[in-house]
């Protein structure tokens, strides 16, 4: 296999495929296809760059809003508004802590 092989195809095979494609579609059509592909790739790169810039600005804004105090989550007491009773398990609790079930 030659170092220029692509997917198991050698240089002669690739040249034959290129010649057949050129005969089927013609030079003008292939040039237009290349031009439109390049334009699409350029637009894609611009859009992804715009999204990265937008995400970077959002991250900068969020970090600027943070305070230097660490966040500590305190559990709600039953008397606090918004407290809900935790759901009860329907399965019996195994006092040994064994999670395996005999089937």
PDB file of N, CA and C in Angstrom:
ATOM      1  N   UNK A   1       0.858  -1.171   0.000  1.00  0.00           N
ATOM      2  CA  UNK A   1       0.000   0.000   0.000  1.00  0.00           C
ATOM      3  C   UNK A   1       0.902   1.231   0.000  1.00  0.00           C
ATOM      4  N   UNK A   2       0.546   2.201  -0.789  1.00  0.00           N
ATOM      5  CA  UNK A   2       1.360   3.414  -0.899  1.00  0.00           C
ATOM      6  C   UNK A   2       1.032   4.372   0.234  1.00  0.00           C
ATOM      7  N   UNK A   3       1.956   5.273   0.585  1.00  0.00           N
ATOM      8  CA  UNK A   3       1.670   6.223   1.662  1.00  0.00           C
ATOM      9  C   UNK A   3       0.562   7.206   1.310  1.00  0.00           C
ATOM     10  N   UNK A   4       0.265   7.374   0.031  1.00  0.00           N
ATOM     11  CA  UNK A   4      -0.793   8.299  -0.369  1.00  0.00           C
ATOM     12  C   UNK A   4      -2.147   7.600  -0.511  1.00  0.00           C
ATOM     13  N   UNK A   5      -2.232   6.363  -0.069  1.00  0.00           N
ATOM     14  CA  UNK A   5      -3.478   5.605  -0.176  1.00  0.00           C
ATOM     15  C   UNK A   5      -4.539   6.210   0.733  1.00  0.00           C
ATOM     16  N   UNK A   6      -5.768   6.172   0.256  1.00  0.00           N
ATOM     17  CA  UNK A   6      -6.893   6.742   0.996  1.00  0.00           C
ATOM     18  C   UNK A   6      -7.982   5.695   1.082  1.00  0.00           C
ATOM     19  N   UNK A   7      -8.200   5.138   2.279  1.00  0.00           N
ATOM     20  CA  UNK A   7      -9.266   4.151   2.466  1.00  0.00           C
ATOM     21  C   UNK A   7      -9.066   2.901   1.653  1.00  0.00           C
ATOM     22  N   UNK A   8      -7.837   2.486   1.461  1.00  0.00           N
ATOM     23  CA  UNK A   8      -7.573   1.284   0.690  1.00  0.00           C
ATOM     24  C   UNK A   8      -7.458   1.535  -0.796  1.00  0.00           C
ATOM     25  N   UNK A   9      -7.629   2.763  -1.237  1.00  0.00           N
ATOM     26  CA  UNK A   9      -7.494   3.103  -2.653  1.00  0.00           C
ATOM     27  C   UNK A   9      -6.135   3.734  -2.883  1.00  0.00           C
ATOM     28  N   UNK A  10      -5.486   3.319  -3.943  1.00  0.00           N
ATOM     29  CA  UNK A  10      -4.202   3.897  -4.296  1.00  0.00           C
ATOM     30  C   UNK A  10      -4.374   5.112  -5.183  1.00  0.00           C
ATOM     31  N   UNK A  11      -3.254   5.682  -5.596  1.00  0.00           N
ATOM     32  CA  UNK A  11      -3.271   6.874  -6.450  1.00  0.00           C
ATOM     33  C   UNK A  11      -3.920   6.588  -7.803  1.00  0.00           C
ATOM     34  N   UNK A  12      -3.610   5.453  -8.466  1.00  0.00           N
ATOM     35  CA  UNK A  12      -4.259   5.201  -9.770  1.00  0.00           C
ATOM     36  C   UNK A  12      -5.783   5.104  -9.665  1.00  0.00           C
ATOM     37  N   UNK A  13      -6.262   4.461  -8.633  1.00  0.00           N
ATOM     38  CA  UNK A  13      -7.719   4.329  -8.471  1.00  0.00           C
ATOM     39  C   UNK A  13      -8.373   5.687  -8.246  1.00  0.00           C
ATOM     40  N   UNK A  14      -7.735   6.535  -7.425  1.00  0.00           N
ATOM     41  CA  UNK A  14      -8.275   7.865  -7.168  1.00  0.00           C
ATOM     42  C   UNK A  14      -8.295   8.709  -8.439  1.00  0.00           C
ATOM     43  N   UNK A  15      -7.260   8.580  -9.289  1.00  0.00           N
ATOM     44  CA  UNK A  15      -7.231   9.326 -10.550  1.00  0.00           C
ATOM     45  C   UNK A  15      -8.342   8.868 -11.488  1.00  0.00           C
ATOM     46  N   UNK A  16      -8.610   7.572 -11.512  1.00  0.00           N
ATOM     47  CA  UNK A  16      -9.691   7.059 -12.363  1.00  0.00           C
ATOM     48  C   UNK A  16     -11.042   7.572 -11.865  1.00  0.00           C
ATOM     49  N   UNK A  17     -11.253   7.546 -10.571  1.00  0.00           N
ATOM     50  CA  UNK A  17     -12.513   8.050 -10.000  1.00  0.00           C
ATOM     51  C   UNK A  17     -12.677   9.530 -10.306  1.00  0.00           C
ATOM     52  N   UNK A  18     -11.609  10.305 -10.154  1.00  0.00           N
ATOM     53  CA  UNK A  18     -11.659  11.736 -10.451  1.00  0.00           C
ATOM     54  C   UNK A  18     -11.991  11.989 -11.920  1.00  0.00           C
ATOM     55  N   UNK A  19     -11.424  11.193 -12.826  1.00  0.00           N
ATOM     56  CA  UNK A  19     -11.705  11.348 -14.259  1.00  0.00           C
ATOM     57  C   UNK A  19     -13.168  11.030 -14.568  1.00  0.00           C
ATOM     58  N   UNK A  20     -13.711   9.998 -13.953  1.00  0.00           N
ATOM     59  CA  UNK A  20     -15.115   9.630 -14.188  1.00  0.00           C
ATOM     60  C   UNK A  20     -16.040  10.726 -13.667  1.00  0.00           C
ATOM     61  N   UNK A  21     -15.749  11.259 -12.491  1.00  0.00           N
ATOM     62  CA  UNK A  21     -16.575  12.325 -11.920  1.00  0.00           C
ATOM     63  C   UNK A  21     -16.506  13.565 -12.806  1.00  0.00           C
ATOM     64  N   UNK A  22     -15.328  13.874 -13.319  1.00  0.00           N
ATOM     65  CA  UNK A  22     -15.173  15.028 -14.204  1.00  0.00           C
ATOM     66  C   UNK A  22     -15.962  14.840 -15.491  1.00  0.00           C
ATOM     67  N   UNK A  23     -15.971  13.639 -16.028  1.00  0.00           N
ATOM     68  CA  UNK A  23     -16.747  13.374 -17.243  1.00  0.00           C
ATOM     69  C   UNK A  23     -18.252  13.437 -16.978  1.00  0.00           C
ATOM     70  N   UNK A  24     -18.685  12.951 -15.817  1.00  0.00           N
ATOM     71  CA  UNK A  24     -20.113  12.945 -15.520  1.00  0.00           C
ATOM     72  C   UNK A  24     -20.662  14.347 -15.260  1.00  0.00           C
ATOM     73  N   UNK A  25     -19.967  15.134 -14.472  1.00  0.00           N
ATOM     74  CA  UNK A  25     -20.498  16.417 -14.054  1.00  0.00           C
ATOM     75  C   UNK A  25     -19.947  17.596 -14.829  1.00  0.00           C
ATOM     76  N   UNK A  26     -18.782  17.495 -15.383  1.00  0.00           N
ATOM     77  CA  UNK A  26     -18.198  18.605 -16.123  1.00  0.00           C
ATOM     78  C   UNK A  26     -17.433  19.540 -15.193  1.00  0.00           C
ATOM     79  N   UNK A  27     -16.503  20.262 -15.801  1.00  0.00           N
ATOM     80  CA  UNK A  27     -15.634  21.147 -15.033  1.00  0.00           C
ATOM     81  C   UNK A  27     -16.369  22.301 -14.383  1.00  0.00           C
ATOM     82  N   UNK A  28     -17.305  22.919 -15.107  1.00  0.00           N
ATOM     83  CA  UNK A  28     -18.018  24.089 -14.574  1.00  0.00           C
ATOM     84  C   UNK A  28     -18.866  23.708 -13.358  1.00  0.00           C
ATOM     85  N   UNK A  29     -19.525  22.565 -13.462  1.00  0.00           N
ATOM     86  CA  UNK A  29     -20.371  22.133 -12.351  1.00  0.00           C
ATOM     87  C   UNK A  29     -19.536  21.779 -11.112  1.00  0.00           C
ATOM     88  N   UNK A  30     -18.381  21.144 -11.330  1.00  0.00           N
ATOM     89  CA  UNK A  30     -17.505  20.815 -10.207  1.00  0.00           C
ATOM     90  C   UNK A  30     -16.930  22.075  -9.571  1.00  0.00           C
ATOM     91  N   UNK A  31     -16.618  23.078 -10.388  1.00  0.00           N
ATOM     92  CA  UNK A  31     -16.111  24.340  -9.855  1.00  0.00           C
ATOM     93  C   UNK A  31     -17.186  25.032  -9.012  1.00  0.00           C
ATOM     94  N   UNK A  32     -18.411  25.020  -9.494  1.00  0.00           N
ATOM     95  CA  UNK A  32     -19.515  25.609  -8.734  1.00  0.00           C
ATOM     96  C   UNK A  32     -19.759  24.867  -7.437  1.00  0.00           C
ATOM     97  N   UNK A  33     -19.628  23.552  -7.480  1.00  0.00           N
ATOM     98  CA  UNK A  33     -19.792  22.749  -6.278  1.00  0.00           C
ATOM     99  C   UNK A  33     -18.706  23.069  -5.255  1.00  0.00           C
ATOM    100  N   UNK A  34     -17.476  23.208  -5.711  1.00  0.00           N
ATOM    101  CA  UNK A  34     -16.377  23.571  -4.818  1.00  0.00           C
ATOM    102  C   UNK A  34     -16.569  24.955  -4.226  1.00  0.00           C
ATOM    103  N   UNK A  35     -17.044  25.876  -5.055  1.00  0.00           N
ATOM    104  CA  UNK A  35     -17.277  27.247  -4.593  1.00  0.00           C
ATOM    105  C   UNK A  35     -18.372  27.288  -3.528  1.00  0.00           C
ATOM    106  N   UNK A  36     -19.460  26.584  -3.756  1.00  0.00           N
ATOM    107  CA  UNK A  36     -20.552  26.589  -2.783  1.00  0.00           C
ATOM    108  C   UNK A  36     -20.156  25.857  -1.501  1.00  0.00           C
ATOM    109  N   UNK A  37     -19.340  24.816  -1.629  1.00  0.00           N
ATOM    110  CA  UNK A  37     -18.862  24.117  -0.437  1.00  0.00           C
ATOM    111  C   UNK A  37     -17.962  25.021   0.392  1.00  0.00           C
ATOM    112  N   UNK A  38     -17.075  25.761  -0.260  1.00  0.00           N
ATOM    113  CA  UNK A  38     -16.208  26.699   0.445  1.00  0.00           C
ATOM    114  C   UNK A  38     -16.998  27.794   1.139  1.00  0.00           C
ATOM    115  N   UNK A  39     -18.027  28.301   0.467  1.00  0.00           N
ATOM    116  CA  UNK A  39     -18.875  29.347   1.050  1.00  0.00           C
ATOM    117  C   UNK A  39     -19.618  28.817   2.277  1.00  0.00           C
ATOM    118  N   UNK A  40     -20.117  27.591   2.176  1.00  0.00           N
ATOM    119  CA  UNK A  40     -20.840  26.992   3.306  1.00  0.00           C
ATOM    120  C   UNK A  40     -19.910  26.779   4.499  1.00  0.00           C
ATOM    121  N   UNK A  41     -18.682  26.318   4.238  1.00  0.00           N
ATOM    122  CA  UNK A  41     -17.722  26.128   5.325  1.00  0.00           C
ATOM    123  C   UNK A  41     -17.350  27.454   5.971  1.00  0.00           C
ATOM    124  N   UNK A  42     -17.194  28.500   5.184  1.00  0.00           N
ATOM    125  CA  UNK A  42     -16.862  29.820   5.718  1.00  0.00           C
ATOM    126  C   UNK A  42     -17.994  30.330   6.616  1.00  0.00           C
ATOM    127  N   UNK A  43     -19.245  30.197   6.171  1.00  0.00           N
ATOM    128  CA  UNK A  43     -20.384  30.623   6.977  1.00  0.00           C
ATOM    129  C   UNK A  43     -20.477  29.816   8.270  1.00  0.00           C
ATOM    130  N   UNK A  44     -20.203  28.521   8.180  1.00  0.00           N
ATOM    131  CA  UNK A  44     -20.246  27.672   9.362  1.00  0.00           C
ATOM    132  C   UNK A  44     -19.201  28.118  10.386  1.00  0.00           C
ATOM    133  N   UNK A  45     -17.985  28.412   9.916  1.00  0.00           N
ATOM    134  CA  UNK A  45     -16.934  28.868  10.823  1.00  0.00           C
ATOM    135  C   UNK A  45     -17.309  30.186  11.475  1.00  0.00           C
ATOM    136  N   UNK A  46     -17.901  31.109  10.701  1.00  0.00           N
ATOM    137  CA  UNK A  46     -18.306  32.402  11.256  1.00  0.00           C
ATOM    138  C   UNK A  46     -19.386  32.228  12.324  1.00  0.00           C
ATOM    139  N   UNK A  47     -20.337  31.343  12.072  1.00  0.00           N
ATOM    140  CA  UNK A  47     -21.419  31.113  13.032  1.00  0.00           C
ATOM    141  C   UNK A  47     -20.899  30.470  14.306  1.00  0.00           C
ATOM    142  N   UNK A  48     -20.018  29.480  14.182  1.00  0.00           N
ATOM    143  CA  UNK A  48     -19.488  28.840  15.384  1.00  0.00           C
ATOM    144  C   UNK A  48     -18.620  29.818  16.179  1.00  0.00           C
ATOM    145  N   UNK A  49     -17.887  30.690  15.484  1.00  0.00           N
ATOM    146  CA  UNK A  49     -17.090  31.703  16.181  1.00  0.00           C
ATOM    147  C   UNK A  49     -18.018  32.668  16.924  1.00  0.00           C
ATOM    148  N   UNK A  50     -19.121  33.050  16.278  1.00  0.00           N
ATOM    149  CA  UNK A  50     -20.092  33.929  16.918  1.00  0.00           C
ATOM    150  C   UNK A  50     -20.706  33.293  18.153  1.00  0.00           C
ATOM    151  N   UNK A  51     -21.003  31.995  18.081  1.00  0.00           N
ATOM    152  CA  UNK A  51     -21.559  31.292  19.237  1.00  0.00           C
ATOM    153  C   UNK A  51     -20.544  31.214  20.371  1.00  0.00           C
ATOM    154  N   UNK A  52     -19.268  30.952  20.017  1.00  0.00           N
ATOM    155  CA  UNK A  52     -18.234  30.900  21.054  1.00  0.00           C
ATOM    156  C   UNK A  52     -18.056  32.256  21.718  1.00  0.00           C
ATOM    157  N   UNK A  53     -18.080  33.328  20.920  1.00  0.00           N
ATOM    158  CA  UNK A  53     -17.951  34.673  21.482  1.00  0.00           C
ATOM    159  C   UNK A  53     -19.134  34.986  22.395  1.00  0.00           C
ATOM    160  N   UNK A  54     -20.329  34.588  21.958  1.00  0.00           N
ATOM    161  CA  UNK A  54     -21.536  34.827  22.748  1.00  0.00           C
ATOM    162  C   UNK A  54     -21.478  34.055  24.065  1.00  0.00           C
ATOM    163  N   UNK A  55     -21.034  32.774  24.005  1.00  0.00           N
ATOM    164  CA  UNK A  55     -20.910  31.969  25.218  1.00  0.00           C
ATOM    165  C   UNK A  55     -19.838  32.539  26.134  1.00  0.00           C
ATOM    166  N   UNK A  56     -18.743  33.017  25.572  1.00  0.00           N
ATOM    167  CA  UNK A  56     -17.683  33.602  26.377  1.00  0.00           C
ATOM    168  C   UNK A  56     -18.151  34.845  27.099  1.00  0.00           C
ATOM    169  N   UNK A  57     -18.966  35.669  26.425  1.00  0.00           N
ATOM    170  CA  UNK A  57     -19.499  36.874  27.055  1.00  0.00           C
ATOM    171  C   UNK A  57     -20.462  36.502  28.183  1.00  0.00           C
ATOM    172  N   UNK A  58     -21.250  35.456  27.993  1.00  0.00           N
ATOM    173  CA  UNK A  58     -22.185  35.021  29.028  1.00  0.00           C
ATOM    174  C   UNK A  58     -21.425  34.494  30.245  1.00  0.00           C
ATOM    175  N   UNK A  59     -20.336  33.774  30.011  1.00  0.00           N
ATOM    176  CA  UNK A  59     -19.536  33.259  31.117  1.00  0.00           C
ATOM    177  C   UNK A  59     -18.884  34.411  31.868  1.00  0.00           C
ATOM    178  N   UNK A  60     -18.356  35.410  31.132  1.00  0.00           N
ATOM    179  CA  UNK A  60     -17.749  36.571  31.782  1.00  0.00           C
ATOM    180  C   UNK A  60     -18.768  37.329  32.625  1.00  0.00           C
ATOM    181  N   UNK A  61     -19.982  37.471  32.080  1.00  0.00           N
ATOM    182  CA  UNK A  61     -21.038  38.184  32.806  1.00  0.00           C
ATOM    183  C   UNK A  61     -21.434  37.427  34.069  1.00  0.00           C
ATOM    184  N   UNK A  62     -21.538  36.101  33.968  1.00  0.00           N
ATOM    185  CA  UNK A  62     -21.917  35.298  35.128  1.00  0.00           C
ATOM    186  C   UNK A  62     -20.831  35.340  36.194  1.00  0.00           C
ATOM    187  N   UNK A  63     -19.580  35.312  35.790  1.00  0.00           N
ATOM    188  CA  UNK A  63     -18.510  35.339  36.784  1.00  0.00           C
ATOM    189  C   UNK A  63     -18.411  36.712  37.440  1.00  0.00           C
ATOM    190  N   UNK A  64     -18.787  37.768  36.734  1.00  0.00           N
ATOM    191  CA  UNK A  64     -18.761  39.104  37.317  1.00  0.00           C
ATOM    192  C   UNK A  64     -19.869  39.265  38.357  1.00  0.00           C
ATOM    193  N   UNK A  65     -20.974  38.537  38.199  1.00  0.00           N
ATOM    194  CA  UNK A  65     -22.094  38.644  39.132  1.00  0.00           C
ATOM    195  C   UNK A  65     -21.867  37.841  40.406  1.00  0.00           C
ATOM    196  N   UNK A  66     -20.912  36.909  40.397  1.00  0.00           N
ATOM    197  CA  UNK A  66     -20.658  36.094  41.573  1.00  0.00           C
ATOM    198  C   UNK A  66     -20.052  36.923  42.687  1.00  0.00           C
ATOM    199  N   UNK A  67     -20.355  36.540  43.879  1.00  0.00           N
ATOM    200  CA  UNK A  67     -19.743  37.200  45.032  1.00  0.00           C
ATOM    201  C   UNK A  67     -18.588  36.350  45.519  1.00  0.00           C
ATOM    202  N   UNK A  68     -17.793  36.895  46.411  1.00  0.00           N
ATOM    203  CA  UNK A  68     -16.657  36.145  46.921  1.00  0.00           C
ATOM    204  C   UNK A  68     -17.063  35.202  48.040  1.00  0.00           C
ATOM    205  N   UNK A  69     -18.297  35.300  48.512  1.00  0.00           N
ATOM    206  CA  UNK A  69     -18.768  34.426  49.579  1.00  0.00           C
ATOM    207  C   UNK A  69     -19.124  33.063  49.003  1.00  0.00           C
ATOM    208  N   UNK A  70     -18.709  31.980  49.678  1.00  0.00           N
ATOM    209  CA  UNK A  70     -19.070  30.650  49.171  1.00  0.00           C
ATOM    210  C   UNK A  70     -20.558  30.387  49.380  1.00  0.00           C
ATOM    211  N   UNK A  71     -21.112  29.607  48.507  1.00  0.00           N
ATOM    212  CA  UNK A  71     -22.528  29.257  48.591  1.00  0.00           C
ATOM    213  C   UNK A  71     -22.702  28.112  49.578  1.00  0.00           C
ATOM    214  N   UNK A  72     -23.567  28.293  50.531  1.00  0.00           N
ATOM    215  CA  UNK A  72     -23.877  27.217  51.468  1.00  0.00           C
ATOM    216  C   UNK A  72     -25.372  26.966  51.402  1.00  0.00           C
ATOM    217  N   UNK A  73     -25.706  25.758  51.067  1.00  0.00           N
ATOM    218  CA  UNK A  73     -27.115  25.389  50.976  1.00  0.00           C
ATOM    219  C   UNK A  73     -27.562  24.859  52.327  1.00  0.00           C
ATOM    220  N   UNK A  74     -28.545  25.507  52.892  1.00  0.00           N
ATOM    221  CA  UNK A  74     -29.090  25.043  54.158  1.00  0.00           C
ATOM    222  C   UNK A  74     -30.413  24.347  53.890  1.00  0.00           C
ATOM    223  N   UNK A  75     -30.632  23.199  54.507  1.00  0.00           N
ATOM    224  CA  UNK A  75     -31.902  22.506  54.267  1.00  0.00           C
ATOM    225  C   UNK A  75     -33.062  23.314  54.849  1.00  0.00           C
ATOM    226  N   UNK A  76     -34.190  23.218  54.177  1.00  0.00           N
ATOM    227  CA  UNK A  76     -35.386  23.911  54.662  1.00  0.00           C
ATOM    228  C   UNK A  76     -35.943  23.192  55.888  1.00  0.00           C
ATOM    229  N   UNK A  77     -36.404  23.965  56.816  1.00  0.00           N
ATOM    230  CA  UNK A  77     -37.057  23.403  58.003  1.00  0.00           C
ATOM    231  C   UNK A  77     -38.531  23.179  57.682  1.00  0.00           C
ATOM    232  N   UNK A  78     -39.183  22.271  58.383  1.00  0.00           N
ATOM    233  CA  UNK A  78     -40.603  22.020  58.110  1.00  0.00           C
ATOM    234  C   UNK A  78     -41.482  23.258  58.261  1.00  0.00           C
ATOM    235  N   UNK A  79     -41.022  24.277  58.980  1.00  0.00           N
ATOM    236  CA  UNK A  79     -41.839  25.488  59.149  1.00  0.00           C
ATOM    237  C   UNK A  79     -41.607  26.501  58.037  1.00  0.00           C
ATOM    238  N   UNK A  80     -40.575  26.320  57.194  1.00  0.00           N
ATOM    239  CA  UNK A  80     -40.285  27.259  56.110  1.00  0.00           C
ATOM    240  C   UNK A  80     -41.298  27.102  54.982  1.00  0.00           C
ATOM    241  N   UNK A  81     -41.686  28.238  54.346  1.00  0.00           N
ATOM    242  CA  UNK A  81     -42.562  28.110  53.180  1.00  0.00           C
ATOM    243  C   UNK A  81     -41.777  27.443  52.045  1.00  0.00           C
ATOM    244  N   UNK A  82     -42.401  26.608  51.313  1.00  0.00           N
ATOM    245  CA  UNK A  82     -41.752  25.899  50.225  1.00  0.00           C
ATOM    246  C   UNK A  82     -41.230  24.537  50.636  1.00  0.00           C
ATOM    247  N   UNK A  83     -41.316  24.211  51.921  1.00  0.00           N
ATOM    248  CA  UNK A  83     -40.867  22.903  52.382  1.00  0.00           C
ATOM    249  C   UNK A  83     -41.890  21.865  51.980  1.00  0.00           C
ATOM    250  N   UNK A  84     -41.430  20.791  51.436  1.00  0.00           N
ATOM    251  CA  UNK A  84     -42.322  19.676  51.105  1.00  0.00           C
ATOM    252  C   UNK A  84     -41.797  18.427  51.780  1.00  0.00           C
ATOM    253  N   UNK A  85     -42.696  17.596  52.176  1.00  0.00           N
ATOM    254  CA  UNK A  85     -42.341  16.347  52.832  1.00  0.00           C
ATOM    255  C   UNK A  85     -41.658  15.436  51.822  1.00  0.00           C
ATOM    256  N   UNK A  86     -40.522  14.850  52.165  1.00  0.00           N
ATOM    257  CA  UNK A  86     -39.878  13.928  51.228  1.00  0.00           C
ATOM    258  C   UNK A  86     -40.781  12.729  50.965  1.00  0.00           C
ATOM    259  N   UNK A  87     -40.749  12.205  49.749  1.00  0.00           N
ATOM    260  CA  UNK A  87     -41.616  11.066  49.438  1.00  0.00           C
ATOM    261  C   UNK A  87     -41.188   9.833  50.236  1.00  0.00           C
ATOM    262  N   UNK A  88     -42.174   9.059  50.632  1.00  0.00           N
ATOM    263  CA  UNK A  88     -41.894   7.832  51.374  1.00  0.00           C
ATOM    264  C   UNK A  88     -41.673   6.699  50.390  1.00  0.00           C
ATOM    265  N   UNK A  89     -40.759   5.855  50.725  1.00  0.00           N
ATOM    266  CA  UNK A  89     -40.458   4.710  49.883  1.00  0.00           C
ATOM    267  C   UNK A  89     -41.539   3.655  50.068  1.00  0.00           C
ATOM    268  N   UNK A  90     -41.939   3.004  48.999  1.00  0.00           N
ATOM    269  CA  UNK A  90     -42.938   1.949  49.063  1.00  0.00           C
ATOM    270  C   UNK A  90     -42.307   0.614  49.448  1.00  0.00           C
ATOM    271  N   UNK A  91     -40.999   0.497  49.188  1.00  0.00           N
ATOM    272  CA  UNK A  91     -40.321  -0.756  49.479  1.00  0.00           C
ATOM    273  C   UNK A  91     -39.896  -0.770  50.943  1.00  0.00           C
ATOM    274  N   UNK A  92     -39.952  -1.922  51.565  1.00  0.00           N
ATOM    275  CA  UNK A  92     -39.494  -1.993  52.957  1.00  0.00           C
ATOM    276  C   UNK A  92     -37.990  -1.762  53.032  1.00  0.00           C
ATOM    277  N   UNK A  93     -37.556  -1.153  54.112  1.00  0.00           N
ATOM    278  CA  UNK A  93     -36.148  -0.849  54.293  1.00  0.00           C
ATOM    279  C   UNK A  93     -35.454  -2.065  54.877  1.00  0.00           C
ATOM    280  N   UNK A  94     -34.326  -2.435  54.270  1.00  0.00           N
ATOM    281  CA  UNK A  94     -33.553  -3.564  54.759  1.00  0.00           C
ATOM    282  C   UNK A  94     -32.562  -3.054  55.795  1.00  0.00           C
ATOM    283  N   UNK A  95     -32.663  -3.473  57.053  1.00  0.00           N
ATOM    284  CA  UNK A  95     -31.778  -2.929  58.081  1.00  0.00           C
ATOM    285  C   UNK A  95     -30.313  -3.305  57.893  1.00  0.00           C
ATOM    286  N   UNK A  96     -30.035  -4.352  57.110  1.00  0.00           N
ATOM    287  CA  UNK A  96     -28.640  -4.750  56.896  1.00  0.00           C
ATOM    288  C   UNK A  96     -27.972  -3.893  55.829  1.00  0.00           C
ATOM    289  N   UNK A  97     -28.728  -3.163  55.058  1.00  0.00           N
ATOM    290  CA  UNK A  97     -28.174  -2.320  54.000  1.00  0.00           C
ATOM    291  C   UNK A  97     -27.876  -3.083  52.731  1.00  0.00           C
ATOM    292  N   UNK A  98     -28.303  -4.344  52.645  1.00  0.00           N
ATOM    293  CA  UNK A  98     -28.068  -5.153  51.473  1.00  0.00           C
ATOM    294  C   UNK A  98     -29.048  -4.735  50.377  1.00  0.00           C
ATOM    295  N   UNK A  99     -28.558  -4.323  49.255  1.00  0.00           N
ATOM    296  CA  UNK A  99     -29.434  -3.850  48.177  1.00  0.00           C
ATOM    297  C   UNK A  99     -29.807  -4.950  47.199  1.00  0.00           C
ATOM    298  N   UNK A 100     -29.198  -6.123  47.347  1.00  0.00           N
ATOM    299  CA  UNK A 100     -29.549  -7.235  46.458  1.00  0.00           C
ATOM    300  C   UNK A 100     -30.924  -7.796  46.809  1.00  0.00           C
ATOM    301  N   UNK A 101     -31.636  -8.188  45.826  1.00  0.00           N
ATOM    302  CA  UNK A 101     -32.965  -8.757  46.035  1.00  0.00           C
ATOM    303  C   UNK A 101     -32.964 -10.214  45.567  1.00  0.00           C
ATOM    304  N   UNK A 102     -33.551 -11.066  46.334  1.00  0.00           N
ATOM    305  CA  UNK A 102     -33.705 -12.448  45.914  1.00  0.00           C
ATOM    306  C   UNK A 102     -34.902 -12.535  44.986  1.00  0.00           C
ATOM    307  N   UNK A 103     -34.666 -13.121  43.852  1.00  0.00           N
ATOM    308  CA  UNK A 103     -35.736 -13.196  42.862  1.00  0.00           C
ATOM    309  C   UNK A 103     -36.197 -14.606  42.713  1.00  0.00           C
TER     310      UNK A 103
END
